[in-house]
Every structure is written in C-alpha cells, then in structure tokens.
Amino acid sequence: MNFLVRLLVSALIAFGLSYLLPGIHIDSFVTALILALVLALLNALLKPILILLSLPITLLTLGLFLLVINAAIILLAAKVVDGFKVDGFWWALLFSILLSVGSSILNSTDSKD
C-alpha cells in the first residue's frame, strides 16, 4: 500500500509541475500515473547501474553528477511515455529536482508507526 501512495504522490506532484513549468507537458492525470510508474521502474532498475558506471565522475563532482543522471532518467521517461514531453535537458533537470524535493516533503509526513 505504501508503494501505491508514493506513486500517487509522485503523479500528483508531476502533474502539478506540468502546470508550473512551461517546458514540461503532461496530457492527463492518467499519463502522470504512468509516468510515476515508469520513473519508479527506471529508478529501481537503471539508476543503480548508471550510478555504478559513473562512480568516478560522481566522486570527482562530489555527487553533483547524480543530478545529471536524474535528468537523463527524466528524458528517457519522456521517450517511453506517450503524452509526456520535456523541452530540453535543463527543464528535465529542474523537473527532477522539484519532483524529488516535493516527493520528499510529502512522503516525510507519513506516520512512522
């Protein structure tokens, strides 16, 4: 159940960000749900491989290269999900930062019983 709540929160934030950021386009809330699922899969499967392959440059940049990896995953999701469009790398970078911050804030309000 916790996964579904996090997926819904990510979809809500992504859909809201599409209204705030002119470089991000999401057609409908269903597209936002599909985007959240695709991002969860890409983050679970592809991101650890990319982090491992880019470990030297990540260490050299003190972790800032992870932002580039996040933006690349957003751009890859834009290729996979119909109805989701990103106008460029910088919009993907901003979208990934705001999505991460928003998800962290809203998911931190969960009760830790």
PDB file of N, CA and C in Angstrom:
ATOM      1  N   MET A   1       0.819  -1.198   0.000  1.00  0.00           N
ATOM      2  CA  MET A   1       0.000   0.000   0.000  1.00  0.00           C
ATOM      3  C   MET A   1       0.861   1.259   0.000  1.00  0.00           C
ATOM      4  N   ASN A   2       1.987   1.215   0.692  1.00  0.00           N
ATOM      5  CA  ASN A   2       2.873   2.366   0.757  1.00  0.00           C
ATOM      6  C   ASN A   2       3.403   2.737  -0.630  1.00  0.00           C
ATOM      7  N   PHE A   3       3.688   1.722  -1.463  1.00  0.00           N
ATOM      8  CA  PHE A   3       4.161   1.982  -2.819  1.00  0.00           C
ATOM      9  C   PHE A   3       3.106   2.719  -3.636  1.00  0.00           C
ATOM     10  N   LEU A   4       1.846   2.314  -3.492  1.00  0.00           N
ATOM     11  CA  LEU A   4       0.765   2.967  -4.238  1.00  0.00           C
ATOM     12  C   LEU A   4       0.589   4.423  -3.808  1.00  0.00           C
ATOM     13  N   VAL A   5       0.740   4.685  -2.517  1.00  0.00           N
ATOM     14  CA  VAL A   5       0.618   6.063  -2.022  1.00  0.00           C
ATOM     15  C   VAL A   5       1.755   6.908  -2.584  1.00  0.00           C
ATOM     16  N   ARG A   6       2.974   6.375  -2.553  1.00  0.00           N
ATOM     17  CA  ARG A   6       4.116   7.118  -3.095  1.00  0.00           C
ATOM     18  C   ARG A   6       3.956   7.350  -4.602  1.00  0.00           C
ATOM     19  N   LEU A   7       3.413   6.373  -5.290  1.00  0.00           N
ATOM     20  CA  LEU A   7       3.172   6.514  -6.724  1.00  0.00           C
ATOM     21  C   LEU A   7       2.143   7.613  -6.986  1.00  0.00           C
ATOM     22  N   LEU A   8       1.095   7.632  -6.208  1.00  0.00           N
ATOM     23  CA  LEU A   8       0.057   8.655  -6.351  1.00  0.00           C
ATOM     24  C   LEU A   8       0.596  10.043  -6.031  1.00  0.00           C
ATOM     25  N   VAL A   9       1.418  10.140  -4.985  1.00  0.00           N
ATOM     26  CA  VAL A   9       2.025  11.425  -4.611  1.00  0.00           C
ATOM     27  C   VAL A   9       2.931  11.922  -5.729  1.00  0.00           C
ATOM     28  N   SER A  10       3.746  11.024  -6.281  1.00  0.00           N
ATOM     29  CA  SER A  10       4.633  11.412  -7.389  1.00  0.00           C
ATOM     30  C   SER A  10       3.841  11.860  -8.612  1.00  0.00           C
ATOM     31  N   ALA A  11       2.751  11.166  -8.888  1.00  0.00           N
ATOM     32  CA  ALA A  11       1.914  11.543 -10.029  1.00  0.00           C
ATOM     33  C   ALA A  11       1.276  12.914  -9.806  1.00  0.00           C
ATOM     34  N   LEU A  12       0.801  13.173  -8.603  1.00  0.00           N
ATOM     35  CA  LEU A  12       0.192  14.474  -8.297  1.00  0.00           C
ATOM     36  C   LEU A  12       1.207  15.609  -8.428  1.00  0.00           C
ATOM     37  N   ILE A  13       2.409  15.377  -7.908  1.00  0.00           N
ATOM     38  CA  ILE A  13       3.442  16.412  -7.989  1.00  0.00           C
ATOM     39  C   ILE A  13       3.860  16.641  -9.432  1.00  0.00           C
ATOM     40  N   ALA A  14       4.037  15.558 -10.189  1.00  0.00           N
ATOM     41  CA  ALA A  14       4.432  15.692 -11.598  1.00  0.00           C
ATOM     42  C   ALA A  14       3.360  16.438 -12.384  1.00  0.00           C
ATOM     43  N   PHE A  15       2.101  16.112 -12.130  1.00  0.00           N
ATOM     44  CA  PHE A  15       1.011  16.775 -12.839  1.00  0.00           C
ATOM     45  C   PHE A  15       0.947  18.258 -12.467  1.00  0.00           C
ATOM     46  N   GLY A  16       1.166  18.564 -11.198  1.00  0.00           N
ATOM     47  CA  GLY A  16       1.193  19.961 -10.762  1.00  0.00           C
ATOM     48  C   GLY A  16       2.363  20.725 -11.364  1.00  0.00           C
ATOM     49  N   LEU A  17       3.525  20.069 -11.425  1.00  0.00           N
ATOM     50  CA  LEU A  17       4.695  20.727 -12.003  1.00  0.00           C
ATOM     51  C   LEU A  17       4.517  21.000 -13.499  1.00  0.00           C
ATOM     52  N   SER A  18       3.715  20.179 -14.162  1.00  0.00           N
ATOM     53  CA  SER A  18       3.497  20.420 -15.594  1.00  0.00           C
ATOM     54  C   SER A  18       2.724  21.722 -15.818  1.00  0.00           C
ATOM     55  N   TYR A  19       1.969  22.156 -14.823  1.00  0.00           N
ATOM     56  CA  TYR A  19       1.281  23.441 -14.930  1.00  0.00           C
ATOM     57  C   TYR A  19       2.194  24.604 -14.559  1.00  0.00           C
ATOM     58  N   LEU A  20       3.161  24.346 -13.683  1.00  0.00           N
ATOM     59  CA  LEU A  20       4.059  25.412 -13.235  1.00  0.00           C
ATOM     60  C   LEU A  20       5.233  25.647 -14.175  1.00  0.00           C
ATOM     61  N   LEU A  21       5.748  24.582 -14.776  1.00  0.00           N
ATOM     62  CA  LEU A  21       6.930  24.688 -15.633  1.00  0.00           C
ATOM     63  C   LEU A  21       6.518  24.663 -17.105  1.00  0.00           C
ATOM     64  N   PRO A  22       6.823  25.700 -17.853  1.00  0.00           N
ATOM     65  CA  PRO A  22       6.401  25.737 -19.256  1.00  0.00           C
ATOM     66  C   PRO A  22       7.137  24.740 -20.154  1.00  0.00           C
ATOM     67  N   GLY A  23       8.231  24.158 -19.704  1.00  0.00           N
ATOM     68  CA  GLY A  23       8.983  23.204 -20.516  1.00  0.00           C
ATOM     69  C   GLY A  23       8.594  21.764 -20.291  1.00  0.00           C
ATOM     70  N   ILE A  24       7.612  21.527 -19.417  1.00  0.00           N
ATOM     71  CA  ILE A  24       7.144  20.171 -19.098  1.00  0.00           C
ATOM     72  C   ILE A  24       5.680  20.074 -19.515  1.00  0.00           C
ATOM     73  N   HIS A  25       5.357  19.030 -20.274  1.00  0.00           N
ATOM     74  CA  HIS A  25       3.991  18.866 -20.782  1.00  0.00           C
ATOM     75  C   HIS A  25       3.491  17.460 -20.455  1.00  0.00           C
ATOM     76  N   ILE A  26       2.407  17.384 -19.683  1.00  0.00           N
ATOM     77  CA  ILE A  26       1.750  16.112 -19.374  1.00  0.00           C
ATOM     78  C   ILE A  26       0.292  16.261 -19.791  1.00  0.00           C
ATOM     79  N   ASP A  27      -0.169  15.323 -20.628  1.00  0.00           N
ATOM     80  CA  ASP A  27      -1.507  15.431 -21.203  1.00  0.00           C
ATOM     81  C   ASP A  27      -2.628  15.276 -20.181  1.00  0.00           C
ATOM     82  N   SER A  28      -2.556  14.253 -19.321  1.00  0.00           N
ATOM     83  CA  SER A  28      -3.636  13.983 -18.384  1.00  0.00           C
ATOM     84  C   SER A  28      -3.073  13.392 -17.101  1.00  0.00           C
ATOM     85  N   PHE A  29      -3.949  13.223 -16.115  1.00  0.00           N
ATOM     86  CA  PHE A  29      -3.503  12.641 -14.857  1.00  0.00           C
ATOM     87  C   PHE A  29      -3.158  11.162 -15.028  1.00  0.00           C
ATOM     88  N   VAL A  30      -3.835  10.493 -15.944  1.00  0.00           N
ATOM     89  CA  VAL A  30      -3.501   9.089 -16.222  1.00  0.00           C
ATOM     90  C   VAL A  30      -2.081   9.001 -16.768  1.00  0.00           C
ATOM     91  N   THR A  31      -1.707   9.937 -17.618  1.00  0.00           N
ATOM     92  CA  THR A  31      -0.332   9.994 -18.116  1.00  0.00           C
ATOM     93  C   THR A  31       0.641  10.236 -16.974  1.00  0.00           C
ATOM     94  N   ALA A  32       0.262  11.065 -16.022  1.00  0.00           N
ATOM     95  CA  ALA A  32       1.113  11.322 -14.859  1.00  0.00           C
ATOM     96  C   ALA A  32       1.279  10.061 -14.015  1.00  0.00           C
ATOM     97  N   LEU A  33       0.218   9.264 -13.878  1.00  0.00           N
ATOM     98  CA  LEU A  33       0.320   7.996 -13.158  1.00  0.00           C
ATOM     99  C   LEU A  33       1.258   7.026 -13.878  1.00  0.00           C
ATOM    100  N   ILE A  34       1.130   6.952 -15.199  1.00  0.00           N
ATOM    101  CA  ILE A  34       2.019   6.089 -15.983  1.00  0.00           C
ATOM    102  C   ILE A  34       3.454   6.586 -15.867  1.00  0.00           C
ATOM    103  N   LEU A  35       3.637   7.896 -15.903  1.00  0.00           N
ATOM    104  CA  LEU A  35       4.970   8.480 -15.749  1.00  0.00           C
ATOM    105  C   LEU A  35       5.570   8.118 -14.394  1.00  0.00           C
ATOM    106  N   ALA A  36       4.780   8.214 -13.338  1.00  0.00           N
ATOM    107  CA  ALA A  36       5.280   7.876 -12.000  1.00  0.00           C
ATOM    108  C   ALA A  36       5.694   6.407 -11.931  1.00  0.00           C
ATOM    109  N   LEU A  37       4.930   5.528 -12.560  1.00  0.00           N
ATOM    110  CA  LEU A  37       5.273   4.109 -12.582  1.00  0.00           C
ATOM    111  C   LEU A  37       6.546   3.862 -13.377  1.00  0.00           C
ATOM    112  N   VAL A  38       6.670   4.500 -14.540  1.00  0.00           N
ATOM    113  CA  VAL A  38       7.871   4.346 -15.367  1.00  0.00           C
ATOM    114  C   VAL A  38       9.096   4.898 -14.644  1.00  0.00           C
ATOM    115  N   LEU A  39       8.952   6.036 -13.989  1.00  0.00           N
ATOM    116  CA  LEU A  39      10.068   6.603 -13.230  1.00  0.00           C
ATOM    117  C   LEU A  39      10.478   5.690 -12.081  1.00  0.00           C
ATOM    118  N   ALA A  40       9.498   5.082 -11.417  1.00  0.00           N
ATOM    119  CA  ALA A  40       9.816   4.152 -10.333  1.00  0.00           C
ATOM    120  C   ALA A  40      10.590   2.945 -10.872  1.00  0.00           C
ATOM    121  N   LEU A  41      10.172   2.426 -12.018  1.00  0.00           N
ATOM    122  CA  LEU A  41      10.881   1.289 -12.623  1.00  0.00           C
ATOM    123  C   LEU A  41      12.284   1.672 -13.075  1.00  0.00           C
ATOM    124  N   LEU A  42      12.412   2.823 -13.729  1.00  0.00           N
ATOM    125  CA  LEU A  42      13.729   3.266 -14.178  1.00  0.00           C
ATOM    126  C   LEU A  42      14.660   3.541 -13.002  1.00  0.00           C
ATOM    127  N   ASN A  43      14.119   4.127 -11.931  1.00  0.00           N
ATOM    128  CA  ASN A  43      14.938   4.391 -10.754  1.00  0.00           C
ATOM    129  C   ASN A  43      15.354   3.107 -10.046  1.00  0.00           C
ATOM    130  N   ALA A  44      14.515   2.092 -10.114  1.00  0.00           N
ATOM    131  CA  ALA A  44      14.849   0.831  -9.451  1.00  0.00           C
ATOM    132  C   ALA A  44      15.803  -0.020 -10.273  1.00  0.00           C
ATOM    133  N   LEU A  45      15.670   0.021 -11.601  1.00  0.00           N
ATOM    134  CA  LEU A  45      16.451  -0.880 -12.449  1.00  0.00           C
ATOM    135  C   LEU A  45      17.669  -0.217 -13.091  1.00  0.00           C
ATOM    136  N   LEU A  46      17.497   0.961 -13.641  1.00  0.00           N
ATOM    137  CA  LEU A  46      18.554   1.581 -14.427  1.00  0.00           C
ATOM    138  C   LEU A  46      19.463   2.497 -13.610  1.00  0.00           C
ATOM    139  N   LYS A  47      18.897   3.206 -12.654  1.00  0.00           N
ATOM    140  CA  LYS A  47      19.681   4.187 -11.904  1.00  0.00           C
ATOM    141  C   LYS A  47      20.860   3.582 -11.145  1.00  0.00           C
ATOM    142  N   PRO A  48      20.708   2.424 -10.485  1.00  0.00           N
ATOM    143  CA  PRO A  48      21.885   1.856  -9.808  1.00  0.00           C
ATOM    144  C   PRO A  48      23.026   1.506 -10.773  1.00  0.00           C
ATOM    145  N   ILE A  49      22.683   1.054 -11.955  1.00  0.00           N
ATOM    146  CA  ILE A  49      23.707   0.738 -12.962  1.00  0.00           C
ATOM    147  C   ILE A  49      24.418   2.002 -13.412  1.00  0.00           C
ATOM    148  N   LEU A  50      23.652   3.066 -13.667  1.00  0.00           N
ATOM    149  CA  LEU A  50      24.249   4.331 -14.086  1.00  0.00           C
ATOM    150  C   LEU A  50      25.128   4.928 -12.980  1.00  0.00           C
ATOM    151  N   ILE A  51      24.698   4.791 -11.754  1.00  0.00           N
ATOM    152  CA  ILE A  51      25.499   5.311 -10.639  1.00  0.00           C
ATOM    153  C   ILE A  51      26.815   4.542 -10.530  1.00  0.00           C
ATOM    154  N   LEU A  52      26.738   3.243 -10.678  1.00  0.00           N
ATOM    155  CA  LEU A  52      27.947   2.431 -10.596  1.00  0.00           C
ATOM    156  C   LEU A  52      28.913   2.745 -11.738  1.00  0.00           C
ATOM    157  N   LEU A  53      28.385   2.914 -12.946  1.00  0.00           N
ATOM    158  CA  LEU A  53      29.233   3.208 -14.097  1.00  0.00           C
ATOM    159  C   LEU A  53      29.850   4.604 -14.025  1.00  0.00           C
ATOM    160  N   SER A  54      29.154   5.516 -13.400  1.00  0.00           N
ATOM    161  CA  SER A  54      29.649   6.894 -13.336  1.00  0.00           C
ATOM    162  C   SER A  54      30.242   7.238 -11.970  1.00  0.00           C
ATOM    163  N   LEU A  55      30.621   6.241 -11.209  1.00  0.00           N
ATOM    164  CA  LEU A  55      31.132   6.481  -9.862  1.00  0.00           C
ATOM    165  C   LEU A  55      32.355   7.404  -9.822  1.00  0.00           C
ATOM    166  N   PRO A  56      33.344   7.253 -10.720  1.00  0.00           N
ATOM    167  CA  PRO A  56      34.484   8.179 -10.652  1.00  0.00           C
ATOM    168  C   PRO A  56      34.102   9.645 -10.857  1.00  0.00           C
ATOM    169  N   ILE A  57      33.268   9.913 -11.848  1.00  0.00           N
ATOM    170  CA  ILE A  57      32.889  11.313 -12.087  1.00  0.00           C
ATOM    171  C   ILE A  57      31.955  11.818 -10.982  1.00  0.00           C
ATOM    172  N   THR A  58      31.159  10.920 -10.407  1.00  0.00           N
ATOM    173  CA  THR A  58      30.301  11.318  -9.286  1.00  0.00           C
ATOM    174  C   THR A  58      31.148  11.702  -8.080  1.00  0.00           C
ATOM    175  N   LEU A  59      32.187  10.946  -7.817  1.00  0.00           N
ATOM    176  CA  LEU A  59      33.085  11.293  -6.709  1.00  0.00           C
ATOM    177  C   LEU A  59      33.844  12.586  -6.992  1.00  0.00           C
ATOM    178  N   LEU A  60      34.261  12.753  -8.233  1.00  0.00           N
ATOM    179  CA  LEU A  60      35.011  13.950  -8.615  1.00  0.00           C
ATOM    180  C   LEU A  60      34.165  15.213  -8.465  1.00  0.00           C
ATOM    181  N   THR A  61      32.880  15.105  -8.776  1.00  0.00           N
ATOM    182  CA  THR A  61      31.985  16.268  -8.689  1.00  0.00           C
ATOM    183  C   THR A  61      31.267  16.344  -7.343  1.00  0.00           C
ATOM    184  N   LEU A  62      31.702  15.510  -6.392  1.00  0.00           N
ATOM    185  CA  LEU A  62      31.119  15.473  -5.049  1.00  0.00           C
ATOM    186  C   LEU A  62      29.613  15.176  -5.071  1.00  0.00           C
ATOM    187  N   GLY A  63      29.194  14.333  -5.978  1.00  0.00           N
ATOM    188  CA  GLY A  63      27.809  13.897  -6.037  1.00  0.00           C
ATOM    189  C   GLY A  63      26.906  14.695  -6.952  1.00  0.00           C
ATOM    190  N   LEU A  64      27.389  15.799  -7.494  1.00  0.00           N
ATOM    191  CA  LEU A  64      26.527  16.628  -8.351  1.00  0.00           C
ATOM    192  C   LEU A  64      26.174  15.941  -9.664  1.00  0.00           C
ATOM    193  N   PHE A  65      26.984  14.973 -10.081  1.00  0.00           N
ATOM    194  CA  PHE A  65      26.669  14.272 -11.321  1.00  0.00           C
ATOM    195  C   PHE A  65      25.396  13.439 -11.185  1.00  0.00           C
ATOM    196  N   LEU A  66      24.980  13.148  -9.963  1.00  0.00           N
ATOM    197  CA  LEU A  66      23.719  12.429  -9.759  1.00  0.00           C
ATOM    198  C   LEU A  66      22.530  13.230 -10.284  1.00  0.00           C
ATOM    199  N   LEU A  67      22.646  14.558 -10.267  1.00  0.00           N
ATOM    200  CA  LEU A  67      21.590  15.393 -10.850  1.00  0.00           C
ATOM    201  C   LEU A  67      21.482  15.174 -12.353  1.00  0.00           C
ATOM    202  N   VAL A  68      22.623  14.980 -13.000  1.00  0.00           N
ATOM    203  CA  VAL A  68      22.636  14.705 -14.436  1.00  0.00           C
ATOM    204  C   VAL A  68      21.997  13.345 -14.709  1.00  0.00           C
ATOM    205  N   ILE A  69      22.289  12.371 -13.861  1.00  0.00           N
ATOM    206  CA  ILE A  69      21.680  11.041 -14.012  1.00  0.00           C
ATOM    207  C   ILE A  69      20.164  11.138 -13.856  1.00  0.00           C
ATOM    208  N   ASN A  70      19.700  11.900 -12.867  1.00  0.00           N
ATOM    209  CA  ASN A  70      18.257  12.084 -12.679  1.00  0.00           C
ATOM    210  C   ASN A  70      17.618  12.744 -13.898  1.00  0.00           C
ATOM    211  N   ALA A  71      18.271  13.756 -14.454  1.00  0.00           N
ATOM    212  CA  ALA A  71      17.734  14.424 -15.643  1.00  0.00           C
ATOM    213  C   ALA A  71      17.707  13.467 -16.832  1.00  0.00           C
ATOM    214  N   ALA A  72      18.727  12.632 -16.965  1.00  0.00           N
ATOM    215  CA  ALA A  72      18.761  11.654 -18.054  1.00  0.00           C
ATOM    216  C   ALA A  72      17.627  10.640 -17.920  1.00  0.00           C
ATOM    217  N   ILE A  73      17.307  10.251 -16.699  1.00  0.00           N
ATOM    218  CA  ILE A  73      16.194   9.324 -16.486  1.00  0.00           C
ATOM    219  C   ILE A  73      14.869   9.987 -16.843  1.00  0.00           C
ATOM    220  N   ILE A  74      14.727  11.261 -16.526  1.00  0.00           N
ATOM    221  CA  ILE A  74      13.516  12.005 -16.908  1.00  0.00           C
ATOM    222  C   ILE A  74      13.399  12.068 -18.434  1.00  0.00           C
ATOM    223  N   LEU A  75      14.509  12.349 -19.116  1.00  0.00           N
ATOM    224  CA  LEU A  75      14.489  12.407 -20.577  1.00  0.00           C
ATOM    225  C   LEU A  75      14.178  11.040 -21.188  1.00  0.00           C
ATOM    226  N   LEU A  76      14.692   9.974 -20.586  1.00  0.00           N
ATOM    227  CA  LEU A  76      14.383   8.627 -21.063  1.00  0.00           C
ATOM    228  C   LEU A  76      12.905   8.310 -20.853  1.00  0.00           C
ATOM    229  N   ALA A  77      12.360   8.716 -19.724  1.00  0.00           N
ATOM    230  CA  ALA A  77      10.932   8.513 -19.470  1.00  0.00           C
ATOM    231  C   ALA A  77      10.084   9.290 -20.474  1.00  0.00           C
ATOM    232  N   ALA A  78      10.555  10.454 -20.895  1.00  0.00           N
ATOM    233  CA  ALA A  78       9.826  11.237 -21.898  1.00  0.00           C
ATOM    234  C   ALA A  78       9.788  10.508 -23.237  1.00  0.00           C
ATOM    235  N   LYS A  79      10.817   9.721 -23.529  1.00  0.00           N
ATOM    236  CA  LYS A  79      10.824   8.940 -24.769  1.00  0.00           C
ATOM    237  C   LYS A  79       9.876   7.755 -24.678  1.00  0.00           C
ATOM    238  N   VAL A  80       9.706   7.217 -23.472  1.00  0.00           N
ATOM    239  CA  VAL A  80       8.917   5.996 -23.287  1.00  0.00           C
ATOM    240  C   VAL A  80       7.428   6.290 -23.130  1.00  0.00           C
ATOM    241  N   VAL A  81       7.089   7.328 -22.389  1.00  0.00           N
ATOM    242  CA  VAL A  81       5.693   7.616 -22.051  1.00  0.00           C
ATOM    243  C   VAL A  81       5.088   8.558 -23.080  1.00  0.00           C
ATOM    244  N   ASP A  82       4.033   8.095 -23.745  1.00  0.00           N
ATOM    245  CA  ASP A  82       3.296   8.962 -24.660  1.00  0.00           C
ATOM    246  C   ASP A  82       2.491   9.977 -23.847  1.00  0.00           C
ATOM    247  N   GLY A  83       2.495  11.212 -24.274  1.00  0.00           N
ATOM    248  CA  GLY A  83       1.768  12.253 -23.568  1.00  0.00           C
ATOM    249  C   GLY A  83       2.620  13.009 -22.565  1.00  0.00           C
ATOM    250  N   PHE A  84       3.895  12.646 -22.450  1.00  0.00           N
ATOM    251  CA  PHE A  84       4.819  13.354 -21.567  1.00  0.00           C
ATOM    252  C   PHE A  84       5.957  13.870 -22.421  1.00  0.00           C
ATOM    253  N   LYS A  85       6.164  15.197 -22.375  1.00  0.00           N
ATOM    254  CA  LYS A  85       7.183  15.820 -23.210  1.00  0.00           C
ATOM    255  C   LYS A  85       7.993  16.794 -22.374  1.00  0.00           C
ATOM    256  N   VAL A  86       9.315  16.744 -22.576  1.00  0.00           N
ATOM    257  CA  VAL A  86      10.240  17.661 -21.910  1.00  0.00           C
ATOM    258  C   VAL A  86      10.962  18.429 -23.005  1.00  0.00           C
ATOM    259  N   ASP A  87      11.021  19.751 -22.870  1.00  0.00           N
ATOM    260  CA  ASP A  87      11.586  20.594 -23.923  1.00  0.00           C
ATOM    261  C   ASP A  87      13.107  20.609 -23.976  1.00  0.00           C
ATOM    262  N   GLY A  88      13.775  20.104 -22.968  1.00  0.00           N
ATOM    263  CA  GLY A  88      15.232  20.098 -23.010  1.00  0.00           C
ATOM    264  C   GLY A  88      15.833  19.580 -21.719  1.00  0.00           C
ATOM    265  N   PHE A  89      17.167  19.497 -21.717  1.00  0.00           N
ATOM    266  CA  PHE A  89      17.890  18.969 -20.570  1.00  0.00           C
ATOM    267  C   PHE A  89      17.667  19.804 -19.323  1.00  0.00           C
ATOM    268  N   TRP A  90      17.717  21.118 -19.461  1.00  0.00           N
ATOM    269  CA  TRP A  90      17.592  21.979 -18.291  1.00  0.00           C
ATOM    270  C   TRP A  90      16.213  21.892 -17.656  1.00  0.00           C
ATOM    271  N   TRP A  91      15.178  21.719 -18.481  1.00  0.00           N
ATOM    272  CA  TRP A  91      13.833  21.524 -17.941  1.00  0.00           C
ATOM    273  C   TRP A  91      13.750  20.181 -17.229  1.00  0.00           C
ATOM    274  N   ALA A  92      14.400  19.160 -17.782  1.00  0.00           N
ATOM    275  CA  ALA A  92      14.421  17.848 -17.132  1.00  0.00           C
ATOM    276  C   ALA A  92      15.150  17.927 -15.792  1.00  0.00           C
ATOM    277  N   LEU A  93      16.240  18.688 -15.747  1.00  0.00           N
ATOM    278  CA  LEU A  93      16.990  18.849 -14.509  1.00  0.00           C
ATOM    279  C   LEU A  93      16.144  19.552 -13.450  1.00  0.00           C
ATOM    280  N   LEU A  94      15.505  20.645 -13.822  1.00  0.00           N
ATOM    281  CA  LEU A  94      14.652  21.380 -12.885  1.00  0.00           C
ATOM    282  C   LEU A  94      13.473  20.522 -12.437  1.00  0.00           C
ATOM    283  N   PHE A  95      12.864  19.810 -13.374  1.00  0.00           N
ATOM    284  CA  PHE A  95      11.729  18.934 -13.054  1.00  0.00           C
ATOM    285  C   PHE A  95      12.158  17.846 -12.073  1.00  0.00           C
ATOM    286  N   SER A  96      13.326  17.243 -12.299  1.00  0.00           N
ATOM    287  CA  SER A  96      13.775  16.162 -11.413  1.00  0.00           C
ATOM    288  C   SER A  96      14.071  16.693 -10.016  1.00  0.00           C
ATOM    289  N   ILE A  97      14.653  17.884  -9.917  1.00  0.00           N
ATOM    290  CA  ILE A  97      14.936  18.466  -8.599  1.00  0.00           C
ATOM    291  C   ILE A  97      13.636  18.772  -7.858  1.00  0.00           C
ATOM    292  N   LEU A  98      12.701  19.427  -8.534  1.00  0.00           N
ATOM    293  CA  LEU A  98      11.445  19.784  -7.883  1.00  0.00           C
ATOM    294  C   LEU A  98      10.607  18.556  -7.541  1.00  0.00           C
ATOM    295  N   LEU A  99      10.625  17.552  -8.401  1.00  0.00           N
ATOM    296  CA  LEU A  99       9.895  16.311  -8.126  1.00  0.00           C
ATOM    297  C   LEU A  99      10.495  15.597  -6.919  1.00  0.00           C
ATOM    298  N   SER A 100      11.795  15.571  -6.826  1.00  0.00           N
ATOM    299  CA  SER A 100      12.454  14.933  -5.681  1.00  0.00           C
ATOM    300  C   SER A 100      12.157  15.677  -4.384  1.00  0.00           C
ATOM    301  N   VAL A 101      12.267  16.996  -4.424  1.00  0.00           N
ATOM    302  CA  VAL A 101      12.008  17.789  -3.219  1.00  0.00           C
ATOM    303  C   VAL A 101      10.545  17.662  -2.796  1.00  0.00           C
ATOM    304  N   GLY A 102       9.642  17.787  -3.751  1.00  0.00           N
ATOM    305  CA  GLY A 102       8.219  17.673  -3.429  1.00  0.00           C
ATOM    306  C   GLY A 102       7.838  16.311  -2.899  1.00  0.00           C
ATOM    307  N   SER A 103       8.359  15.266  -3.493  1.00  0.00           N
ATOM    308  CA  SER A 103       8.071  13.913  -3.021  1.00  0.00           C
ATOM    309  C   SER A 103       8.648  13.688  -1.633  1.00  0.00           C
ATOM    310  N   SER A 104       9.835  14.189  -1.399  1.00  0.00           N
ATOM    311  CA  SER A 104      10.456  14.037  -0.078  1.00  0.00           C
ATOM    312  C   SER A 104       9.631  14.737   1.000  1.00  0.00           C
ATOM    313  N   ILE A 105       9.170  15.926   0.694  1.00  0.00           N
ATOM    314  CA  ILE A 105       8.388  16.679   1.679  1.00  0.00           C
ATOM    315  C   ILE A 105       7.063  15.977   1.971  1.00  0.00           C
ATOM    316  N   LEU A 106       6.358  15.576   0.927  1.00  0.00           N
ATOM    317  CA  LEU A 106       5.054  14.958   1.147  1.00  0.00           C
ATOM    318  C   LEU A 106       5.163  13.556   1.726  1.00  0.00           C
ATOM    319  N   ASN A 107       6.193  12.794   1.354  1.00  0.00           N
ATOM    320  CA  ASN A 107       6.345  11.449   1.898  1.00  0.00           C
ATOM    321  C   ASN A 107       6.898  11.465   3.310  1.00  0.00           C
ATOM    322  N   SER A 108       7.535  12.555   3.714  1.00  0.00           N
ATOM    323  CA  SER A 108       8.051  12.630   5.082  1.00  0.00           C
ATOM    324  C   SER A 108       6.937  12.858   6.086  1.00  0.00           C
ATOM    325  N   THR A 109       5.776  13.264   5.630  1.00  0.00           N
ATOM    326  CA  THR A 109       4.642  13.482   6.539  1.00  0.00           C
ATOM    327  C   THR A 109       3.932  12.187   6.874  1.00  0.00           C
ATOM    328  N   ASP A 110       4.351  11.056   6.255  1.00  0.00           N
ATOM    329  CA  ASP A 110       3.760   9.765   6.594  1.00  0.00           C
ATOM    330  C   ASP A 110       4.040   9.441   8.050  1.00  0.00           C
ATOM    331  N   SER A 111       3.067   8.806   8.687  1.00  0.00           N
ATOM    332  CA  SER A 111       3.297   8.416  10.086  1.00  0.00           C
ATOM    333  C   SER A 111       4.204   7.202  10.134  1.00  0.00           C
ATOM    334  N   LYS A 112       5.124   7.224  11.057  1.00  0.00           N
ATOM    335  CA  LYS A 112       6.096   6.139  11.212  1.00  0.00           C
ATOM    336  C   LYS A 112       5.677   5.252  12.391  1.00  0.00           C
ATOM    337  N   ASP A 113       4.583   4.552  12.258  1.00  0.00           N
ATOM    338  CA  ASP A 113       4.076   3.709  13.358  1.00  0.00           C
ATOM    339  C   ASP A 113       4.903   2.487  13.538  1.00  0.00           C
TER     340      ASP A 113
END
